Amino acid sequence: MSQRLAPLGLSIAREHAVGDDPALMKEVFSEAWHRSDLVLCCGGLGPTFDDITREVWARVLKTPLVFQKNLYQLILDKFRALRLSMPVSNKRQAFLLKGAVPLANAVGTAPGQFFQRGRKWLVLFPGPPRELVPMMEEQILPLLRRRLGHGASMEKNFHLFGVPESRVDEWIRPFVSHYKKRRGCRITHTILASQWIITVRFRVDGPNSSAVAEASDFLSKKIRKKLGSRVFGEDHQTMEGAVGALLKKKGLSLAVAESCTGGLIAKMITDQPGSSDYFKEGVVCYSNESKINRLGVKSSTLARVGAVSKEVARAMAEGIKKGAKADIGVSITGIAGPGGGTPNGGTPGGGTAEKPVGLVFLGLSTPRKTVVQELRLSGERALIRHRAALSALEMIRKELLK
């Protein structure tokens, strides 16, 4: 919602989450109403006893709720279309704040509401995203555009992986200091960190859309030149999306063999529409037997160095590339924890002093070479698996850029 409001020149002042407690809700709603010109409220418009958003807002605004016969009929028709009898409790959804404009809900039974008092606006949304998002896109954003009619704003994001936040700060600090205004536009910068992904973001606020677009394009070119190939994606592009785009562009195919990540890499890749153009196969070889039978890893290698080793990662990458007849084979084997492991680190979930939790090996095999990368990761099990999967994707991306 924040991202969709930004181009209108609207920035989120505060965000609150409050439980279904009428006293707490009244406190939060009252504060928001007195502080802000526009209040967006999501959830609590359903038919059950704990859906009390309408009632609490009525108390805050000292405005009665009015039964809308036409809304009641629409709700009734939705149940009839499904050949269901409507529970009596659904009648509550046909009540609007006096003077509010109903917002049609094409998916659910809860209508939204748009309420205006003087220069203040209140929007009540149903909570489920599949109901909220269309209501926001199709009804509220056009309404706000018509009523605001001035100013513009734009945000731009550049994503990097595996680089310390402080290092990124060193790279862009001179840039940030130099570019704070452009063509009458105000520019703000920030750096965000999450799961080893660093996002460099700037926002441009200006008098009109053309000035904002020019300033945004100018800054984007400067940042691309400064950060270069360290940037794996912009705005909503993910690491897996970036890798998929490169594979498709180069006409190359990929297969992966996973142990400690349990198919996470394959899932991330196949989440991308059109991934069948470049993704051949994903295999979860969790046991030693599977590594031997499916990938051709030698039992003598496993006995000598264990499943979590450079040698096994190399053999897994070469085995999956050959077996799937792919251009690139990628493997991952490691110890995600917690719990104990065998002395040679052969248990995917365990760990020892020699091979601690967080030790991960990535293998990448191409027609020209096979390389192995060692990682030492920290955190709980899910975090280690996620970072390991992202690291494997970054390894592929860097190889494709060469």
Protein backbone atom coordinates (compact mmCIF):
# COMPACT_ATOMS: atom_id res chain seq x y z
CA MET A 1 0.00 0.00 0.00
CA SER A 2 2.88 2.31 0.84
CA GLN A 3 4.51 1.65 -2.53
CA ARG A 4 1.28 2.34 -4.42
CA LEU A 5 0.67 5.58 -2.53
CA ALA A 6 4.19 6.93 -3.09
CA PRO A 7 3.64 8.04 -6.73
CA LEU A 8 0.77 10.21 -5.45
CA GLY A 9 3.14 12.07 -3.14
CA LEU A 10 1.76 10.31 -0.06
CA SER A 11 4.15 8.81 2.47
CA ILE A 12 3.23 6.58 5.39
CA ALA A 13 3.63 8.51 8.65
CA ARG A 14 3.05 5.54 10.95
CA GLU A 15 1.88 1.95 10.80
CA HIS A 16 0.04 0.20 13.64
CA ALA A 17 -1.08 -3.35 14.27
CA VAL A 18 -3.77 -3.75 16.92
CA GLY A 19 -5.67 -6.77 18.19
CA ASP A 20 -9.43 -7.18 18.44
CA ASP A 21 -9.69 -5.26 21.71
CA PRO A 22 -12.24 -2.42 21.49
CA ALA A 23 -10.41 -0.22 24.03
CA LEU A 24 -7.05 -0.59 22.27
CA MET A 25 -8.65 -0.14 18.86
CA LYS A 26 -10.38 3.05 19.97
CA GLU A 27 -7.09 4.41 21.30
CA VAL A 28 -5.18 3.66 18.10
CA PHE A 29 -7.98 4.80 15.77
CA SER A 30 -8.44 8.07 17.66
CA GLU A 31 -4.74 8.86 17.56
CA ALA A 32 -4.54 8.11 13.83
CA TRP A 33 -7.63 10.18 13.01
CA HIS A 34 -6.43 13.24 14.92
CA ARG A 35 -2.87 13.01 13.58
CA SER A 36 -3.32 12.21 9.87
CA ASP A 37 -5.20 13.56 6.86
CA LEU A 38 -5.63 10.07 5.39
CA VAL A 39 -6.18 6.93 7.47
CA LEU A 40 -6.20 3.46 5.87
CA CYS A 41 -7.60 0.72 8.09
CA CYS A 42 -7.47 -2.95 7.10
CA GLY A 43 -9.41 -5.82 8.64
CA GLY A 44 -12.29 -6.40 10.99
CA LEU A 45 -15.11 -5.97 8.44
CA GLY A 46 -16.24 -9.59 8.54
CA PRO A 47 -19.46 -11.02 9.98
CA THR A 48 -18.16 -12.63 13.20
CA PHE A 49 -18.24 -11.40 16.79
CA ASP A 50 -14.61 -10.21 16.70
CA ASP A 51 -15.06 -8.08 13.56
CA ILE A 52 -15.66 -4.78 15.34
CA THR A 53 -13.84 -2.24 13.15
CA ARG A 54 -17.09 -0.61 12.00
CA GLU A 55 -18.42 -0.25 15.54
CA VAL A 56 -15.19 1.18 16.97
CA TRP A 57 -14.84 3.74 14.17
CA ALA A 58 -18.44 4.78 14.73
CA ARG A 59 -17.55 5.52 18.38
CA VAL A 60 -14.37 7.39 17.42
CA LEU A 61 -16.12 9.52 14.81
CA LYS A 62 -19.32 9.86 16.89
CA THR A 63 -21.19 8.77 13.77
CA PRO A 64 -23.96 6.16 13.65
CA LEU A 65 -23.87 3.05 11.52
CA VAL A 66 -26.66 2.99 8.93
CA PHE A 67 -28.15 -0.16 7.40
CA GLN A 68 -27.90 -0.20 3.59
CA LYS A 69 -30.61 -2.32 2.04
CA ASN A 70 -28.91 -2.45 -1.35
CA LEU A 71 -25.65 -3.74 0.19
CA TYR A 72 -27.60 -6.37 2.11
CA GLN A 73 -29.16 -7.56 -1.15
CA LEU A 74 -25.72 -7.78 -2.83
CA ILE A 75 -24.39 -9.92 0.03
CA LEU A 76 -27.50 -12.11 -0.09
CA ASP A 77 -27.09 -12.57 -3.85
CA LYS A 78 -23.50 -13.75 -3.40
CA PHE A 79 -24.64 -16.54 -1.08
CA ARG A 80 -27.46 -17.50 -3.42
CA ALA A 81 -25.03 -17.69 -6.34
CA LEU A 82 -23.07 -20.26 -4.33
CA ARG A 83 -26.31 -22.07 -3.40
CA LEU A 84 -25.71 -21.33 0.27
CA SER A 85 -28.01 -19.91 2.89
CA MET A 86 -26.72 -16.66 4.37
CA PRO A 87 -26.06 -16.67 8.12
CA VAL A 88 -27.83 -13.91 10.03
CA SER A 89 -24.46 -12.51 11.17
CA ASN A 90 -23.60 -11.42 7.61
CA LYS A 91 -26.25 -8.72 7.89
CA ARG A 92 -23.71 -6.73 9.94
CA GLN A 93 -21.66 -6.20 6.79
CA ALA A 94 -24.43 -4.08 5.28
CA PHE A 95 -23.94 -1.30 7.83
CA LEU A 96 -21.94 1.79 6.81
CA LEU A 97 -20.74 4.81 8.69
CA LYS A 98 -23.27 7.56 8.07
CA GLY A 99 -22.13 9.50 5.00
CA ALA A 100 -19.60 6.86 3.89
CA VAL A 101 -19.34 5.69 0.29
CA PRO A 102 -19.36 1.88 -0.11
CA LEU A 103 -16.45 0.21 -1.92
CA ALA A 104 -17.46 -2.81 -3.97
CA ASN A 105 -15.87 -6.14 -3.07
CA ALA A 106 -15.81 -8.42 -6.12
CA VAL A 107 -14.30 -11.34 -4.20
CA GLY A 108 -15.72 -11.34 -0.66
CA THR A 109 -18.85 -10.23 1.15
CA ALA A 110 -17.38 -7.30 3.12
CA PRO A 111 -17.74 -3.95 1.34
CA GLY A 112 -15.09 -1.34 2.00
CA GLN A 113 -15.93 2.21 3.06
CA PHE A 114 -14.69 5.68 2.13
CA PHE A 115 -15.52 8.37 4.70
CA GLN A 116 -14.72 12.08 4.50
CA ARG A 117 -15.03 14.78 7.12
CA GLY A 118 -13.62 18.14 6.10
CA ARG A 119 -10.06 17.59 4.87
CA LYS A 120 -9.73 14.20 6.55
CA TRP A 121 -10.33 10.90 4.78
CA LEU A 122 -10.83 7.41 6.17
CA VAL A 123 -10.75 4.20 4.14
CA LEU A 124 -11.87 0.87 5.61
CA PHE A 125 -10.57 -2.20 3.77
CA PRO A 126 -11.29 -5.90 4.32
CA GLY A 127 -8.22 -7.72 5.61
CA PRO A 128 -7.63 -10.53 3.06
CA PRO A 129 -5.14 -9.31 0.41
CA ARG A 130 -7.15 -10.83 -2.45
CA GLU A 131 -10.02 -8.53 -1.43
CA LEU A 132 -7.95 -5.53 -0.31
CA VAL A 133 -5.62 -5.25 -3.31
CA PRO A 134 -8.27 -4.95 -6.06
CA MET A 135 -10.22 -2.47 -3.93
CA MET A 136 -7.08 -0.38 -3.49
CA GLU A 137 -6.06 -0.55 -7.15
CA GLU A 138 -9.44 -0.12 -8.81
CA GLN A 139 -11.28 2.24 -6.46
CA ILE A 140 -9.14 4.08 -3.90
CA LEU A 141 -6.08 4.97 -6.00
CA PRO A 142 -8.18 6.52 -8.83
CA LEU A 143 -10.23 8.40 -6.21
CA LEU A 144 -7.10 9.75 -4.54
CA ARG A 145 -5.60 10.76 -7.90
CA ARG A 146 -8.70 12.77 -8.75
CA ARG A 147 -8.92 14.45 -5.36
CA LEU A 148 -5.24 15.20 -4.90
CA GLY A 149 -4.37 16.33 -8.42
CA HIS A 150 -0.96 17.74 -7.51
CA GLY A 151 2.55 16.67 -6.66
CA ALA A 152 4.25 13.42 -7.58
CA SER A 153 6.67 10.95 -6.06
CA MET A 154 8.69 7.93 -7.15
CA GLU A 155 10.79 5.28 -5.38
CA LYS A 156 13.60 3.24 -6.91
CA ASN A 157 15.33 0.20 -5.39
CA PHE A 158 18.63 -1.49 -6.25
CA HIS A 159 19.40 -4.89 -4.71
CA LEU A 160 22.82 -6.36 -3.87
CA PHE A 161 23.65 -9.67 -2.21
CA GLY A 162 26.29 -10.80 0.25
CA VAL A 163 27.92 -7.38 0.71
CA PRO A 164 28.19 -5.81 4.19
CA GLU A 165 25.80 -2.92 4.72
CA SER A 166 28.68 -0.75 5.88
CA ARG A 167 30.59 -1.39 2.65
CA VAL A 168 27.60 -0.31 0.57
CA ASP A 169 27.41 2.78 2.74
CA GLU A 170 31.03 3.61 1.86
CA TRP A 171 30.31 3.23 -1.84
CA ILE A 172 27.27 5.46 -2.01
CA ARG A 173 27.85 7.99 0.79
CA PRO A 174 29.48 10.58 -1.54
CA PHE A 175 26.63 10.07 -3.99
CA VAL A 176 24.01 10.58 -1.26
CA SER A 177 25.71 13.72 0.00
CA HIS A 178 25.90 15.23 -3.49
CA TYR A 179 22.38 14.49 -4.77
CA LYS A 180 19.73 15.80 -2.42
CA LYS A 181 17.86 17.98 -4.94
CA ARG A 182 17.27 17.84 -8.67
CA ARG A 183 15.03 19.98 -10.90
CA GLY A 184 13.06 21.27 -7.93
CA CYS A 185 12.63 17.76 -6.53
CA ARG A 186 13.60 16.62 -3.03
CA ILE A 187 15.62 13.40 -2.88
CA THR A 188 15.91 11.07 0.12
CA HIS A 189 18.13 7.99 0.37
CA THR A 190 18.23 4.92 2.58
CA ILE A 191 19.91 1.51 2.87
CA LEU A 192 17.94 -1.56 3.97
CA ALA A 193 19.31 -4.98 4.96
CA SER A 194 17.43 -8.30 5.03
CA GLN A 195 18.64 -11.89 4.63
CA TRP A 196 22.02 -10.79 3.18
CA ILE A 197 20.21 -8.69 0.61
CA ILE A 198 21.12 -5.00 0.75
CA THR A 199 18.70 -2.57 -0.88
CA VAL A 200 19.76 0.93 -1.88
CA ARG A 201 16.64 3.04 -2.15
CA PHE A 202 16.00 6.61 -3.14
CA ARG A 203 12.77 8.55 -3.28
CA VAL A 204 12.06 11.62 -5.39
CA ASP A 205 9.30 14.05 -4.40
CA GLY A 206 8.52 16.87 -6.81
CA PRO A 207 5.96 19.29 -8.22
CA ASN A 208 4.93 17.12 -11.19
CA SER A 209 5.43 13.67 -12.71
CA SER A 210 7.75 14.80 -15.52
CA ALA A 211 10.22 16.46 -13.14
CA VAL A 212 10.13 13.43 -10.83
CA ALA A 213 10.66 10.99 -13.73
CA GLU A 214 13.63 12.99 -15.07
CA ALA A 215 15.29 13.15 -11.66
CA SER A 216 14.65 9.44 -11.04
CA ASP A 217 16.13 8.43 -14.41
CA PHE A 218 19.17 10.63 -13.79
CA LEU A 219 19.81 9.13 -10.34
CA SER A 220 19.22 5.58 -11.55
CA LYS A 221 21.90 5.92 -14.24
CA LYS A 222 24.34 7.29 -11.67
CA ILE A 223 23.73 4.42 -9.24
CA ARG A 224 23.96 1.76 -11.97
CA LYS A 225 27.30 3.20 -13.02
CA LYS A 226 28.51 3.33 -9.41
CA LEU A 227 27.46 -0.17 -8.32
CA GLY A 228 27.72 -1.99 -11.66
CA SER A 229 27.26 -5.76 -11.70
CA ARG A 230 27.04 -5.86 -7.92
CA VAL A 231 23.36 -5.04 -8.43
CA PHE A 232 21.41 -8.22 -9.14
CA GLY A 233 18.00 -6.58 -9.51
CA GLU A 234 15.92 -3.45 -9.33
CA ASP A 235 12.60 -2.69 -7.64
CA HIS A 236 10.59 -5.95 -7.38
CA GLN A 237 13.11 -8.19 -9.17
CA THR A 238 14.29 -11.14 -7.06
CA MET A 239 17.56 -13.05 -7.19
CA GLU A 240 15.81 -16.04 -8.76
CA GLY A 241 14.16 -13.76 -11.30
CA ALA A 242 17.51 -12.25 -12.23
CA VAL A 243 19.09 -15.69 -12.65
CA GLY A 244 16.16 -16.89 -14.74
CA ALA A 245 16.37 -13.85 -17.02
CA LEU A 246 20.09 -14.45 -17.62
CA LEU A 247 19.59 -18.15 -18.34
CA LYS A 248 16.83 -17.35 -20.81
CA LYS A 249 18.84 -14.59 -22.48
CA LYS A 250 21.85 -16.87 -22.98
CA GLY A 251 19.79 -19.91 -23.96
CA LEU A 252 21.28 -22.10 -21.23
CA SER A 253 19.68 -24.81 -19.11
CA LEU A 254 20.09 -25.52 -15.40
CA ALA A 255 19.71 -28.51 -13.08
CA VAL A 256 20.21 -28.55 -9.31
CA ALA A 257 21.03 -31.21 -6.74
CA GLU A 258 20.21 -30.27 -3.17
CA SER A 259 20.86 -31.84 0.19
CA CYS A 260 20.59 -29.45 3.16
CA THR A 261 18.23 -27.00 1.38
CA GLY A 262 15.70 -29.75 0.65
CA GLY A 263 14.55 -28.42 -2.73
CA LEU A 264 14.45 -24.73 -1.80
CA ILE A 265 16.59 -23.66 -4.76
CA ALA A 266 14.37 -25.58 -7.19
CA LYS A 267 11.28 -24.00 -5.64
CA MET A 268 12.69 -20.48 -5.93
CA ILE A 269 13.62 -21.02 -9.56
CA THR A 270 10.31 -22.61 -10.55
CA ASP A 271 8.36 -19.85 -8.80
CA GLN A 272 9.30 -17.75 -11.82
CA PRO A 273 6.84 -17.80 -14.75
CA GLY A 274 8.45 -19.34 -17.83
CA SER A 275 11.11 -21.23 -15.84
CA SER A 276 10.40 -24.34 -17.93
CA ASP A 277 12.38 -22.63 -20.70
CA TYR A 278 15.64 -23.07 -18.79
CA PHE A 279 15.13 -25.32 -15.76
CA LYS A 280 15.70 -29.01 -16.47
CA GLU A 281 15.54 -30.82 -13.16
CA GLY A 282 15.82 -30.54 -9.40
CA VAL A 283 16.79 -33.48 -7.19
CA VAL A 284 16.79 -33.64 -3.38
CA CYS A 285 19.56 -36.08 -2.51
CA TYR A 286 19.32 -36.00 1.25
CA SER A 287 20.83 -39.39 2.07
CA ASN A 288 24.21 -40.81 1.12
CA GLU A 289 22.43 -43.60 -0.75
CA SER A 290 20.61 -41.07 -2.91
CA LYS A 291 23.85 -39.24 -3.68
CA ILE A 292 25.41 -42.51 -4.77
CA ASN A 293 22.46 -43.91 -6.76
CA ARG A 294 21.11 -40.71 -8.29
CA LEU A 295 24.22 -38.59 -8.84
CA GLY A 296 27.02 -41.13 -9.10
CA VAL A 297 28.92 -39.92 -6.02
CA LYS A 298 31.43 -42.62 -5.07
CA SER A 299 30.81 -44.41 -1.81
CA SER A 300 34.55 -44.31 -1.14
CA THR A 301 34.48 -40.50 -1.34
CA LEU A 302 31.62 -40.30 1.14
CA ALA A 303 33.40 -42.67 3.49
CA ARG A 304 36.64 -40.70 3.26
CA VAL A 305 35.49 -37.07 3.54
CA GLY A 306 31.78 -37.18 4.39
CA ALA A 307 28.73 -35.81 2.64
CA VAL A 308 29.49 -32.23 3.62
CA SER A 309 32.71 -31.66 1.72
CA LYS A 310 34.19 -29.98 -1.35
CA GLU A 311 34.67 -33.33 -3.03
CA VAL A 312 31.03 -34.36 -2.68
CA ALA A 313 29.73 -30.94 -3.75
CA ARG A 314 31.88 -31.22 -6.87
CA ALA A 315 30.65 -34.74 -7.64
CA MET A 316 27.02 -33.75 -7.07
CA ALA A 317 27.24 -30.77 -9.44
CA GLU A 318 28.89 -32.84 -12.16
CA GLY A 319 26.46 -35.71 -11.59
CA ILE A 320 23.30 -33.62 -11.91
CA LYS A 321 24.62 -31.79 -14.98
CA LYS A 322 25.41 -35.07 -16.70
CA GLY A 323 22.24 -36.87 -15.62
CA ALA A 324 19.90 -34.02 -16.60
CA LYS A 325 21.90 -33.18 -19.74
CA ALA A 326 21.94 -29.55 -18.63
CA ASP A 327 24.39 -26.80 -19.51
CA ILE A 328 24.91 -25.94 -15.84
CA GLY A 329 24.73 -28.20 -12.80
CA VAL A 330 24.56 -26.77 -9.29
CA SER A 331 24.83 -28.62 -6.00
CA ILE A 332 24.51 -27.79 -2.35
CA THR A 333 25.45 -29.84 0.69
CA GLY A 334 25.80 -28.61 4.23
CA ILE A 335 24.83 -28.71 7.88
CA ALA A 336 21.79 -26.57 8.63
CA GLY A 337 21.42 -27.72 12.25
CA PRO A 338 20.46 -28.02 14.97
CA GLY A 339 21.35 -31.28 16.68
CA GLY A 340 24.31 -33.62 16.65
CA GLY A 341 25.95 -35.19 13.65
CA THR A 342 28.33 -37.95 12.76
CA PRO A 343 32.12 -37.43 13.07
CA ASN A 344 32.46 -36.92 9.31
CA GLY A 345 29.56 -34.46 9.14
CA GLY A 346 27.49 -36.81 7.00
CA THR A 347 24.16 -35.97 8.62
CA PRO A 348 22.60 -32.97 6.84
CA GLY A 349 21.08 -31.57 10.04
CA GLY A 350 23.92 -32.25 12.47
CA GLY A 351 27.22 -30.62 13.33
CA THR A 352 30.60 -31.32 14.94
CA ALA A 353 33.62 -29.32 16.02
CA GLU A 354 35.27 -30.24 12.73
CA LYS A 355 32.16 -29.52 10.68
CA PRO A 356 29.97 -27.06 12.56
CA VAL A 357 26.39 -26.06 11.91
CA GLY A 358 26.40 -23.53 9.09
CA LEU A 359 29.14 -25.20 7.04
CA VAL A 360 27.87 -25.34 3.44
CA PHE A 361 29.51 -26.24 0.14
CA LEU A 362 28.18 -25.06 -3.22
CA GLY A 363 29.19 -26.72 -6.47
CA LEU A 364 28.80 -25.31 -9.97
CA SER A 365 29.64 -27.31 -13.08
CA THR A 366 29.72 -25.95 -16.64
CA PRO A 367 31.06 -27.50 -19.87
CA ARG A 368 34.40 -25.74 -19.15
CA LYS A 369 34.96 -26.23 -15.43
CA THR A 370 33.63 -27.19 -12.02
CA VAL A 371 34.12 -24.88 -9.04
CA VAL A 372 33.23 -25.26 -5.36
CA GLN A 373 32.58 -22.51 -2.83
CA GLU A 374 32.67 -22.93 0.95
CA LEU A 375 30.33 -20.94 3.21
CA ARG A 376 30.27 -20.47 6.97
CA LEU A 377 26.76 -19.35 7.83
CA SER A 378 25.15 -18.48 11.14
CA GLY A 379 21.59 -18.41 12.43
CA GLU A 380 18.79 -20.88 12.94
CA ARG A 381 18.00 -23.71 10.52
CA ALA A 382 15.57 -21.90 8.20
CA LEU A 383 17.86 -18.87 7.94
CA ILE A 384 20.90 -20.98 7.05
CA ARG A 385 18.95 -22.82 4.37
CA HIS A 386 17.60 -19.61 2.88
CA ARG A 387 20.99 -17.89 2.81
CA ALA A 388 22.59 -20.97 1.32
CA ALA A 389 19.99 -21.07 -1.47
CA LEU A 390 20.48 -17.37 -2.22
CA SER A 391 24.25 -17.88 -2.26
CA ALA A 392 23.88 -20.67 -4.80
CA LEU A 393 21.75 -18.43 -7.02
CA GLU A 394 24.30 -15.62 -6.72
CA MET A 395 27.03 -18.08 -7.70
CA ILE A 396 25.06 -18.93 -10.85
CA ARG A 397 24.41 -15.26 -11.61
CA LYS A 398 28.09 -14.33 -11.38
CA GLU A 399 29.05 -17.24 -13.62
CA LEU A 400 26.48 -16.20 -16.23
CA LEU A 401 27.84 -12.63 -16.25
CA LYS A 402 31.35 -13.78 -17.15
